[in-house]
Amino acid sequence: LSAETLSADRLTAAMAIDGAPVLALTSWRAQTLKARAY
């Protein structure tokens, strides 16, 4: 799902899936957030 157009209802539904959810970001955005881009 696009993070930009994500709705609360769809977030709830996605989190109910047993699939280890992640937020995929580019390395440029990760760098700003001090997140590791492995």
Full PDB file with SEQRES, HELIX, SHEET, SSBOND, CRYST1, ORIGX, SCALE, CONECT and MASTER records, all heavy atoms in Angstrom:
SEQRES   1 A   38  LEU SER ALA GLU THR LEU SER ALA ASP ARG LEU THR ALA          
SEQRES   2 A   38  ALA MET ALA ILE ASP GLY ALA PRO VAL LEU ALA LEU THR          
SEQRES   3 A   38  SER TRP ARG ALA GLN THR LEU LYS ALA ARG ALA TYR              
HELIX    1 AA1 ALA A    8  MET A   15  1                                   8    
HELIX    2 AA2 SER A   27  LEU A   33  1                                   7    
CRYST1    1.000    1.000    1.000  90.00  90.00  90.00 P 1           1          
ORIGX1      1.000000  0.000000  0.000000        0.00000                         
ORIGX2      0.000000  1.000000  0.000000        0.00000                         
ORIGX3      0.000000  0.000000  1.000000        0.00000                         
SCALE1      1.000000  0.000000  0.000000        0.00000                         
SCALE2      0.000000  1.000000  0.000000        0.00000                         
SCALE3      0.000000  0.000000  1.000000        0.00000                         
ATOM      1  N   LEU A   1       0.854  -1.185   0.000  1.00  0.00           N  
ATOM      2  CA  LEU A   1       0.000   0.000   0.000  1.00  0.00           C  
ATOM      3  C   LEU A   1       0.889   1.233   0.000  1.00  0.00           C  
ATOM      4  O   LEU A   1       1.953   1.235   0.622  1.00  0.00           O  
ATOM      5  CB  LEU A   1      -0.897   0.038   1.244  1.00  0.00           C  
ATOM      6  CG  LEU A   1      -2.061  -0.943   1.312  1.00  0.00           C  
ATOM      7  CD1 LEU A   1      -2.166  -1.539   2.697  1.00  0.00           C  
ATOM      8  CD2 LEU A   1      -3.346  -0.214   0.954  1.00  0.00           C  
ATOM      9  N   SER A   2       0.459   2.277  -0.686  1.00  0.00           N  
ATOM     10  CA  SER A   2       1.176   3.543  -0.617  1.00  0.00           C  
ATOM     11  C   SER A   2       1.001   4.148   0.767  1.00  0.00           C  
ATOM     12  O   SER A   2      -0.122   4.246   1.279  1.00  0.00           O  
ATOM     13  CB  SER A   2       0.623   4.507  -1.670  1.00  0.00           C  
ATOM     14  OG  SER A   2       0.936   5.842  -1.345  1.00  0.00           O  
ATOM     15  N   ALA A   3       2.104   4.558   1.380  1.00  0.00           N  
ATOM     16  CA  ALA A   3       2.009   5.208   2.688  1.00  0.00           C  
ATOM     17  C   ALA A   3       1.244   6.521   2.588  1.00  0.00           C  
ATOM     18  O   ALA A   3       0.526   6.907   3.518  1.00  0.00           O  
ATOM     19  CB  ALA A   3       3.408   5.450   3.251  1.00  0.00           C  
ATOM     20  N   GLU A   4       1.379   7.199   1.457  1.00  0.00           N  
ATOM     21  CA  GLU A   4       0.721   8.499   1.292  1.00  0.00           C  
ATOM     22  C   GLU A   4      -0.789   8.384   1.260  1.00  0.00           C  
ATOM     23  O   GLU A   4      -1.505   9.200   1.847  1.00  0.00           O  
ATOM     24  CB  GLU A   4       1.215   9.178   0.012  1.00  0.00           C  
ATOM     25  CG  GLU A   4       0.561  10.509  -0.260  1.00  0.00           C  
ATOM     26  CD  GLU A   4       1.072  11.188  -1.516  1.00  0.00           C  
ATOM     27  OE1 GLU A   4       2.179  10.840  -1.973  1.00  0.00           O  
ATOM     28  OE2 GLU A   4       0.363  12.079  -2.048  1.00  0.00           O  
ATOM     29  N   THR A   5      -1.320   7.368   0.575  1.00  0.00           N  
ATOM     30  CA  THR A   5      -2.768   7.237   0.411  1.00  0.00           C  
ATOM     31  C   THR A   5      -3.369   6.205   1.366  1.00  0.00           C  
ATOM     32  O   THR A   5      -4.547   5.857   1.248  1.00  0.00           O  
ATOM     33  CB  THR A   5      -3.114   6.850  -1.035  1.00  0.00           C  
ATOM     34  OG1 THR A   5      -2.425   5.642  -1.390  1.00  0.00           O  
ATOM     35  CG2 THR A   5      -2.694   7.957  -1.998  1.00  0.00           C  
ATOM     36  N   LEU A   6      -2.580   5.724   2.298  1.00  0.00           N  
ATOM     37  CA  LEU A   6      -3.041   4.722   3.262  1.00  0.00           C  
ATOM     38  C   LEU A   6      -4.147   5.297   4.149  1.00  0.00           C  
ATOM     39  O   LEU A   6      -4.067   6.445   4.590  1.00  0.00           O  
ATOM     40  CB  LEU A   6      -1.855   4.292   4.134  1.00  0.00           C  
ATOM     41  CG  LEU A   6      -2.090   3.232   5.201  1.00  0.00           C  
ATOM     42  CD1 LEU A   6      -2.467   1.896   4.567  1.00  0.00           C  
ATOM     43  CD2 LEU A   6      -0.837   3.079   6.068  1.00  0.00           C  
ATOM     44  N   SER A   7      -5.174   4.494   4.399  1.00  0.00           N  
ATOM     45  CA  SER A   7      -6.263   4.902   5.299  1.00  0.00           C  
ATOM     46  C   SER A   7      -6.165   4.125   6.599  1.00  0.00           C  
ATOM     47  O   SER A   7      -5.507   3.074   6.674  1.00  0.00           O  
ATOM     48  CB  SER A   7      -7.627   4.647   4.651  1.00  0.00           C  
ATOM     49  OG  SER A   7      -7.855   3.240   4.517  1.00  0.00           O  
ATOM     50  N   ALA A   8      -6.836   4.622   7.619  1.00  0.00           N  
ATOM     51  CA  ALA A   8      -6.818   3.955   8.917  1.00  0.00           C  
ATOM     52  C   ALA A   8      -7.421   2.555   8.821  1.00  0.00           C  
ATOM     53  O   ALA A   8      -6.903   1.605   9.424  1.00  0.00           O  
ATOM     54  CB  ALA A   8      -7.568   4.799   9.948  1.00  0.00           C  
ATOM     55  N   ASP A   9      -8.508   2.408   8.086  1.00  0.00           N  
ATOM     56  CA  ASP A   9      -9.150   1.097   7.957  1.00  0.00           C  
ATOM     57  C   ASP A   9      -8.232   0.096   7.270  1.00  0.00           C  
ATOM     58  O   ASP A   9      -8.120  -1.062   7.698  1.00  0.00           O  
ATOM     59  CB  ASP A   9     -10.461   1.215   7.171  1.00  0.00           C  
ATOM     60  CG  ASP A   9     -11.549   1.912   7.970  1.00  0.00           C  
ATOM     61  OD1 ASP A   9     -11.399   2.029   9.208  1.00  0.00           O  
ATOM     62  OD2 ASP A   9     -12.541   2.345   7.356  1.00  0.00           O  
ATOM     63  N   ARG A  10      -7.569   0.536   6.211  1.00  0.00           N  
ATOM     64  CA  ARG A  10      -6.692  -0.388   5.491  1.00  0.00           C  
ATOM     65  C   ARG A  10      -5.433  -0.688   6.304  1.00  0.00           C  
ATOM     66  O   ARG A  10      -4.861  -1.771   6.195  1.00  0.00           O  
ATOM     67  CB  ARG A  10      -6.351   0.177   4.113  1.00  0.00           C  
ATOM     68  CG  ARG A  10      -7.573   0.061   3.156  1.00  0.00           C  
ATOM     69  CD  ARG A  10      -7.141  -0.410   1.776  1.00  0.00           C  
ATOM     70  NE  ARG A  10      -8.265  -0.927   1.010  1.00  0.00           N  
ATOM     71  CZ  ARG A  10      -9.019  -0.222   0.178  1.00  0.00           C  
ATOM     72  NH1 ARG A  10      -8.794   1.065   0.035  1.00  0.00           N  
ATOM     73  NH2 ARG A  10      -9.997  -0.796  -0.504  1.00  0.00           N  
ATOM     74  N   LEU A  11      -4.987   0.255   7.099  1.00  0.00           N  
ATOM     75  CA  LEU A  11      -3.855  -0.024   7.982  1.00  0.00           C  
ATOM     76  C   LEU A  11      -4.230  -1.115   8.975  1.00  0.00           C  
ATOM     77  O   LEU A  11      -3.467  -2.062   9.199  1.00  0.00           O  
ATOM     78  CB  LEU A  11      -3.433   1.241   8.726  1.00  0.00           C  
ATOM     79  CG  LEU A  11      -2.379   1.050   9.816  1.00  0.00           C  
ATOM     80  CD1 LEU A  11      -1.089   0.455   9.250  1.00  0.00           C  
ATOM     81  CD2 LEU A  11      -2.094   2.372  10.529  1.00  0.00           C  
ATOM     82  N   THR A  12      -5.424  -0.996   9.555  1.00  0.00           N  
ATOM     83  CA  THR A  12      -5.882  -2.013  10.506  1.00  0.00           C  
ATOM     84  C   THR A  12      -5.954  -3.381   9.843  1.00  0.00           C  
ATOM     85  O   THR A  12      -5.516  -4.391  10.401  1.00  0.00           O  
ATOM     86  CB  THR A  12      -7.265  -1.634  11.067  1.00  0.00           C  
ATOM     87  OG1 THR A  12      -7.166  -0.377  11.751  1.00  0.00           O  
ATOM     88  CG2 THR A  12      -7.779  -2.691  12.031  1.00  0.00           C  
ATOM     89  N   ALA A  13      -6.481  -3.430   8.621  1.00  0.00           N  
ATOM     90  CA  ALA A  13      -6.599  -4.699   7.909  1.00  0.00           C  
ATOM     91  C   ALA A  13      -5.224  -5.265   7.567  1.00  0.00           C  
ATOM     92  O   ALA A  13      -4.991  -6.477   7.683  1.00  0.00           O  
ATOM     93  CB  ALA A  13      -7.422  -4.504   6.633  1.00  0.00           C  
ATOM     94  N   ALA A  14      -4.300  -4.406   7.172  1.00  0.00           N  
ATOM     95  CA  ALA A  14      -2.958  -4.876   6.823  1.00  0.00           C  
ATOM     96  C   ALA A  14      -2.218  -5.398   8.045  1.00  0.00           C  
ATOM     97  O   ALA A  14      -1.503  -6.406   7.970  1.00  0.00           O  
ATOM     98  CB  ALA A  14      -2.161  -3.743   6.174  1.00  0.00           C  
ATOM     99  N   MET A  15      -2.400  -4.736   9.170  1.00  0.00           N  
ATOM    100  CA  MET A  15      -1.717  -5.161  10.393  1.00  0.00           C  
ATOM    101  C   MET A  15      -2.281  -6.466  10.938  1.00  0.00           C  
ATOM    102  O   MET A  15      -1.614  -7.156  11.714  1.00  0.00           O  
ATOM    103  CB  MET A  15      -1.811  -4.068  11.458  1.00  0.00           C  
ATOM    104  CG  MET A  15      -1.089  -2.766  11.086  1.00  0.00           C  
ATOM    105  SD  MET A  15       0.687  -2.982  10.842  1.00  0.00           S  
ATOM    106  CE  MET A  15       1.222  -3.219  12.528  1.00  0.00           C  
ATOM    107  N   ALA A  16      -3.513  -6.811  10.527  1.00  0.00           N  
ATOM    108  CA  ALA A  16      -4.129  -8.063  10.986  1.00  0.00           C  
ATOM    109  C   ALA A  16      -3.570  -9.271  10.237  1.00  0.00           C  
ATOM    110  O   ALA A  16      -3.765 -10.413  10.659  1.00  0.00           O  
ATOM    111  CB  ALA A  16      -5.646  -7.994  10.805  1.00  0.00           C  
ATOM    112  N   ILE A  17      -2.875  -9.023   9.119  1.00  0.00           N  
ATOM    113  CA  ILE A  17      -2.256 -10.121   8.370  1.00  0.00           C  
ATOM    114  C   ILE A  17      -0.970 -10.524   9.082  1.00  0.00           C  
ATOM    115  O   ILE A  17      -0.156  -9.681   9.442  1.00  0.00           O  
ATOM    116  CB  ILE A  17      -1.936  -9.692   6.918  1.00  0.00           C  
ATOM    117  CG1 ILE A  17      -3.229  -9.292   6.194  1.00  0.00           C  
ATOM    118  CG2 ILE A  17      -1.226 -10.801   6.160  1.00  0.00           C  
ATOM    119  CD1 ILE A  17      -2.987  -8.643   4.843  1.00  0.00           C  
ATOM    120  N   ASP A  18      -0.782 -11.793   9.259  1.00  0.00           N  
ATOM    121  CA  ASP A  18       0.418 -12.272   9.942  1.00  0.00           C  
ATOM    122  C   ASP A  18       1.573 -12.327   8.951  1.00  0.00           C  
ATOM    123  O   ASP A  18       1.991 -13.384   8.491  1.00  0.00           O  
ATOM    124  CB  ASP A  18       0.159 -13.666  10.541  1.00  0.00           C  
ATOM    125  CG  ASP A  18       1.342 -14.149  11.373  1.00  0.00           C  
ATOM    126  OD1 ASP A  18       2.173 -13.297  11.764  1.00  0.00           O  
ATOM    127  OD2 ASP A  18       1.434 -15.361  11.615  1.00  0.00           O  
ATOM    128  N   GLY A  19       2.098 -11.124   8.615  1.00  0.00           N  
ATOM    129  CA  GLY A  19       3.102 -11.081   7.567  1.00  0.00           C  
ATOM    130  C   GLY A  19       4.279 -10.181   7.850  1.00  0.00           C  
ATOM    131  O   GLY A  19       4.957  -9.739   6.928  1.00  0.00           O  
ATOM    132  N   ALA A  20       4.544  -9.871   9.124  1.00  0.00           N  
ATOM    133  CA  ALA A  20       5.692  -9.044   9.509  1.00  0.00           C  
ATOM    134  C   ALA A  20       5.746  -7.756   8.699  1.00  0.00           C  
ATOM    135  O   ALA A  20       6.632  -7.565   7.854  1.00  0.00           O  
ATOM    136  CB  ALA A  20       6.989  -9.831   9.362  1.00  0.00           C  
ATOM    137  N   PRO A  21       4.792  -6.835   8.895  1.00  0.00           N  
ATOM    138  CA  PRO A  21       4.727  -5.625   8.067  1.00  0.00           C  
ATOM    139  C   PRO A  21       5.945  -4.723   8.231  1.00  0.00           C  
ATOM    140  O   PRO A  21       6.499  -4.590   9.318  1.00  0.00           O  
ATOM    141  CB  PRO A  21       3.457  -4.930   8.563  1.00  0.00           C  
ATOM    142  CG  PRO A  21       3.282  -5.415   9.971  1.00  0.00           C  
ATOM    143  CD  PRO A  21       3.772  -6.822   9.964  1.00  0.00           C  
ATOM    144  N   VAL A  22       6.355  -4.108   7.115  1.00  0.00           N  
ATOM    145  CA  VAL A  22       7.460  -3.154   7.128  1.00  0.00           C  
ATOM    146  C   VAL A  22       7.053  -1.926   6.330  1.00  0.00           C  
ATOM    147  O   VAL A  22       6.129  -1.976   5.502  1.00  0.00           O  
ATOM    148  CB  VAL A  22       8.751  -3.750   6.521  1.00  0.00           C  
ATOM    149  CG1 VAL A  22       9.213  -4.968   7.309  1.00  0.00           C  
ATOM    150  CG2 VAL A  22       8.561  -4.094   5.050  1.00  0.00           C  
ATOM    151  N   LEU A  23       7.746  -0.831   6.583  1.00  0.00           N  
ATOM    152  CA  LEU A  23       7.601   0.356   5.754  1.00  0.00           C  
ATOM    153  C   LEU A  23       8.848   0.444   4.891  1.00  0.00           C  
ATOM    154  O   LEU A  23       9.962   0.596   5.399  1.00  0.00           O  
ATOM    155  CB  LEU A  23       7.452   1.623   6.598  1.00  0.00           C  
ATOM    156  CG  LEU A  23       7.181   2.901   5.806  1.00  0.00           C  
ATOM    157  CD1 LEU A  23       5.836   2.811   5.093  1.00  0.00           C  
ATOM    158  CD2 LEU A  23       7.223   4.129   6.704  1.00  0.00           C  
ATOM    159  N   ALA A  24       8.666   0.298   3.582  1.00  0.00           N  
ATOM    160  CA  ALA A  24       9.785   0.350   2.645  1.00  0.00           C  
ATOM    161  C   ALA A  24      10.035   1.803   2.261  1.00  0.00           C  
ATOM    162  O   ALA A  24       9.122   2.513   1.828  1.00  0.00           O  
ATOM    163  CB  ALA A  24       9.484  -0.479   1.405  1.00  0.00           C  
ATOM    164  N   LEU A  25      11.274   2.249   2.453  1.00  0.00           N  
ATOM    165  CA  LEU A  25      11.676   3.620   2.175  1.00  0.00           C  
ATOM    166  C   LEU A  25      12.928   3.618   1.309  1.00  0.00           C  
ATOM    167  O   LEU A  25      13.699   2.655   1.333  1.00  0.00           O  
ATOM    168  CB  LEU A  25      11.984   4.370   3.479  1.00  0.00           C  
ATOM    169  CG  LEU A  25      10.879   4.453   4.527  1.00  0.00           C  
ATOM    170  CD1 LEU A  25      11.461   4.918   5.859  1.00  0.00           C  
ATOM    171  CD2 LEU A  25       9.783   5.412   4.067  1.00  0.00           C  
ATOM    172  N   THR A  26      13.163   4.701   0.586  1.00  0.00           N  
ATOM    173  CA  THR A  26      14.417   4.804  -0.149  1.00  0.00           C  
ATOM    174  C   THR A  26      15.556   5.091   0.824  1.00  0.00           C  
ATOM    175  O   THR A  26      15.342   5.549   1.950  1.00  0.00           O  
ATOM    176  CB  THR A  26      14.371   5.932  -1.191  1.00  0.00           C  
ATOM    177  OG1 THR A  26      14.313   7.201  -0.521  1.00  0.00           O  
ATOM    178  CG2 THR A  26      13.166   5.780  -2.111  1.00  0.00           C  
ATOM    179  N   SER A  27      16.775   4.846   0.383  1.00  0.00           N  
ATOM    180  CA  SER A  27      17.930   5.088   1.250  1.00  0.00           C  
ATOM    181  C   SER A  27      18.073   6.567   1.594  1.00  0.00           C  
ATOM    182  O   SER A  27      18.550   6.912   2.675  1.00  0.00           O  
ATOM    183  CB  SER A  27      19.213   4.578   0.593  1.00  0.00           C  
ATOM    184  OG  SER A  27      19.414   5.185  -0.670  1.00  0.00           O  
ATOM    185  N   TRP A  28      17.632   7.465   0.687  1.00  0.00           N  
ATOM    186  CA  TRP A  28      17.690   8.898   0.986  1.00  0.00           C  
ATOM    187  C   TRP A  28      16.784   9.248   2.151  1.00  0.00           C  
ATOM    188  O   TRP A  28      17.191   9.979   3.066  1.00  0.00           O  
ATOM    189  CB  TRP A  28      17.286   9.714  -0.242  1.00  0.00           C  
ATOM    190  CG  TRP A  28      18.341   9.828  -1.295  1.00  0.00           C  
ATOM    191  CD1 TRP A  28      18.262   9.391  -2.592  1.00  0.00           C  
ATOM    192  CD2 TRP A  28      19.651  10.405  -1.162  1.00  0.00           C  
ATOM    193  NE1 TRP A  28      19.424   9.668  -3.269  1.00  0.00           N  
ATOM    194  CE2 TRP A  28      20.299  10.292  -2.417  1.00  0.00           C  
ATOM    195  CE3 TRP A  28      20.340  11.013  -0.104  1.00  0.00           C  
ATOM    196  CZ2 TRP A  28      21.587  10.768  -2.648  1.00  0.00           C  
ATOM    197  CZ3 TRP A  28      21.623  11.475  -0.334  1.00  0.00           C  
ATOM    198  CH2 TRP A  28      22.240  11.350  -1.588  1.00  0.00           C  
ATOM    199  N   ARG A  29      15.569   8.729   2.140  1.00  0.00           N  
ATOM    200  CA  ARG A  29      14.648   9.015   3.247  1.00  0.00           C  
ATOM    201  C   ARG A  29      15.132   8.337   4.526  1.00  0.00           C  
ATOM    202  O   ARG A  29      15.059   8.908   5.614  1.00  0.00           O  
ATOM    203  CB  ARG A  29      13.234   8.532   2.882  1.00  0.00           C  
ATOM    204  CG  ARG A  29      12.171   8.855   3.952  1.00  0.00           C  
ATOM    205  CD  ARG A  29      12.015  10.337   4.165  1.00  0.00           C  
ATOM    206  NE  ARG A  29      11.099  10.654   5.257  1.00  0.00           N  
ATOM    207  CZ  ARG A  29      11.249  11.683   6.085  1.00  0.00           C  
ATOM    208  NH1 ARG A  29      12.290  12.496   5.959  1.00  0.00           N  
ATOM    209  NH2 ARG A  29      10.374  11.904   7.037  1.00  0.00           N  
ATOM    210  N   ALA A  30      15.643   7.122   4.395  1.00  0.00           N  
ATOM    211  CA  ALA A  30      16.171   6.406   5.563  1.00  0.00           C  
ATOM    212  C   ALA A  30      17.325   7.177   6.192  1.00  0.00           C  
ATOM    213  O   ALA A  30      17.461   7.228   7.423  1.00  0.00           O  
ATOM    214  CB  ALA A  30      16.619   5.010   5.154  1.00  0.00           C  
ATOM    215  N   GLN A  31      18.163   7.770   5.371  1.00  0.00           N  
ATOM    216  CA  GLN A  31      19.292   8.546   5.876  1.00  0.00           C  
ATOM    217  C   GLN A  31      18.809   9.705   6.732  1.00  0.00           C  
ATOM    218  O   GLN A  31      19.370   9.982   7.807  1.00  0.00           O  
ATOM    219  CB  GLN A  31      20.121   9.063   4.698  1.00  0.00           C  
ATOM    220  CG  GLN A  31      21.332   9.885   5.067  1.00  0.00           C  
ATOM    221  CD  GLN A  31      22.117  10.312   3.830  1.00  0.00           C  
ATOM    222  OE1 GLN A  31      22.413   9.501   2.957  1.00  0.00           O  
ATOM    223  NE2 GLN A  31      22.442  11.595   3.741  1.00  0.00           N  
ATOM    224  N   THR A  32      17.763  10.390   6.282  1.00  0.00           N  
ATOM    225  CA  THR A  32      17.194  11.496   7.052  1.00  0.00           C  
ATOM    226  C   THR A  32      16.660  11.006   8.392  1.00  0.00           C  
ATOM    227  O   THR A  32      16.798  11.677   9.420  1.00  0.00           O  
ATOM    228  CB  THR A  32      16.065  12.175   6.266  1.00  0.00           C  
ATOM    229  OG1 THR A  32      16.607  12.731   5.061  1.00  0.00           O  
ATOM    230  CG2 THR A  32      15.404  13.278   7.069  1.00  0.00           C  
ATOM    231  N   LEU A  33      16.040   9.814   8.389  1.00  0.00           N  
ATOM    232  CA  LEU A  33      15.421   9.269   9.604  1.00  0.00           C  
ATOM    233  C   LEU A  33      16.420   8.515  10.481  1.00  0.00           C  
ATOM    234  O   LEU A  33      16.031   7.995  11.529  1.00  0.00           O  
ATOM    235  CB  LEU A  33      14.287   8.314   9.210  1.00  0.00           C  
ATOM    236  CG  LEU A  33      13.095   8.953   8.483  1.00  0.00           C  
ATOM    237  CD1 LEU A  33      12.190   7.878   7.905  1.00  0.00           C  
ATOM    238  CD2 LEU A  33      12.319   9.873   9.426  1.00  0.00           C  
ATOM    239  N   LYS A  34      17.672   8.440  10.056  1.00  0.00           N  
ATOM    240  CA  LYS A  34      18.708   7.695  10.790  1.00  0.00           C  
ATOM    241  C   LYS A  34      18.347   6.214  10.902  1.00  0.00           C  
ATOM    242  O   LYS A  34      18.591   5.569  11.917  1.00  0.00           O  
ATOM    243  CB  LYS A  34      18.921   8.295  12.194  1.00  0.00           C  
ATOM    244  CG  LYS A  34      19.289   9.773  12.189  1.00  0.00           C  
ATOM    245  CD  LYS A  34      20.629   9.994  11.520  1.00  0.00           C  
ATOM    246  CE  LYS A  34      21.120  11.427  11.688  1.00  0.00           C  
ATOM    247  NZ  LYS A  34      20.320  12.407  10.923  1.00  0.00           N  
ATOM    248  N   ALA A  35      17.743   5.697   9.823  1.00  0.00           N  
ATOM    249  CA  ALA A  35      17.394   4.272   9.762  1.00  0.00           C  
ATOM    250  C   ALA A  35      18.401   3.562   8.870  1.00  0.00           C  
ATOM    251  O   ALA A  35      18.860   4.122   7.871  1.00  0.00           O  
ATOM    252  CB  ALA A  35      15.978   4.085   9.219  1.00  0.00           C  
ATOM    253  N   ARG A  36      18.747   2.344   9.198  1.00  0.00           N  
ATOM    254  CA  ARG A  36      19.722   1.580   8.428  1.00  0.00           C  
ATOM    255  C   ARG A  36      19.119   1.110   7.105  1.00  0.00           C  
ATOM    256  O   ARG A  36      18.043   0.521   7.085  1.00  0.00           O  
ATOM    257  CB  ARG A  36      20.172   0.359   9.225  1.00  0.00           C  
ATOM    258  CG  ARG A  36      20.917   0.700  10.499  1.00  0.00           C  
ATOM    259  CD  ARG A  36      22.382   0.892  10.233  1.00  0.00           C  
ATOM    260  NE  ARG A  36      23.143   1.013  11.465  1.00  0.00           N  
ATOM    261  CZ  ARG A  36      24.466   1.066  11.514  1.00  0.00           C  
ATOM    262  NH1 ARG A  36      25.163   0.977  10.394  1.00  0.00           N  
ATOM    263  NH2 ARG A  36      25.103   1.194  12.666  1.00  0.00           N  
ATOM    264  N   ALA A  37      19.843   1.348   6.012  1.00  0.00           N  
ATOM    265  CA  ALA A  37      19.420   0.863   4.700  1.00  0.00           C  
ATOM    266  C   ALA A  37      20.281  -0.352   4.351  1.00  0.00           C  
ATOM    267  O   ALA A  37      21.222  -0.265   3.567  1.00  0.00           O  
ATOM    268  CB  ALA A  37      19.562   1.953   3.649  1.00  0.00           C  
ATOM    269  N   TYR A  38      19.935  -1.492   4.944  1.00  0.00           N  
ATOM    270  CA  TYR A  38      20.732  -2.702   4.723  1.00  0.00           C  
ATOM    271  C   TYR A  38      20.657  -3.197   3.286  1.00  0.00           C  
ATOM    272  O   TYR A  38      21.527  -3.946   2.837  1.00  0.00           O  
ATOM    273  CB  TYR A  38      20.276  -3.812   5.677  1.00  0.00           C  
ATOM    274  CG  TYR A  38      20.616  -3.550   7.124  1.00  0.00           C  
ATOM    275  CD1 TYR A  38      19.609  -3.401   8.079  1.00  0.00           C  
ATOM    276  CD2 TYR A  38      21.938  -3.454   7.542  1.00  0.00           C  
ATOM    277  CE1 TYR A  38      19.923  -3.171   9.410  1.00  0.00           C  
ATOM    278  CE2 TYR A  38      22.252  -3.217   8.878  1.00  0.00           C  
ATOM    279  CZ  TYR A  38      21.241  -3.075   9.802  1.00  0.00           C  
ATOM    280  OH  TYR A  38      21.555  -2.849  11.124  1.00  0.00           O  
TER     281      TYR A  38                                                      
MASTER        0    0    0    2    0    0    0    6  280    1    0    3          
END                                                                             
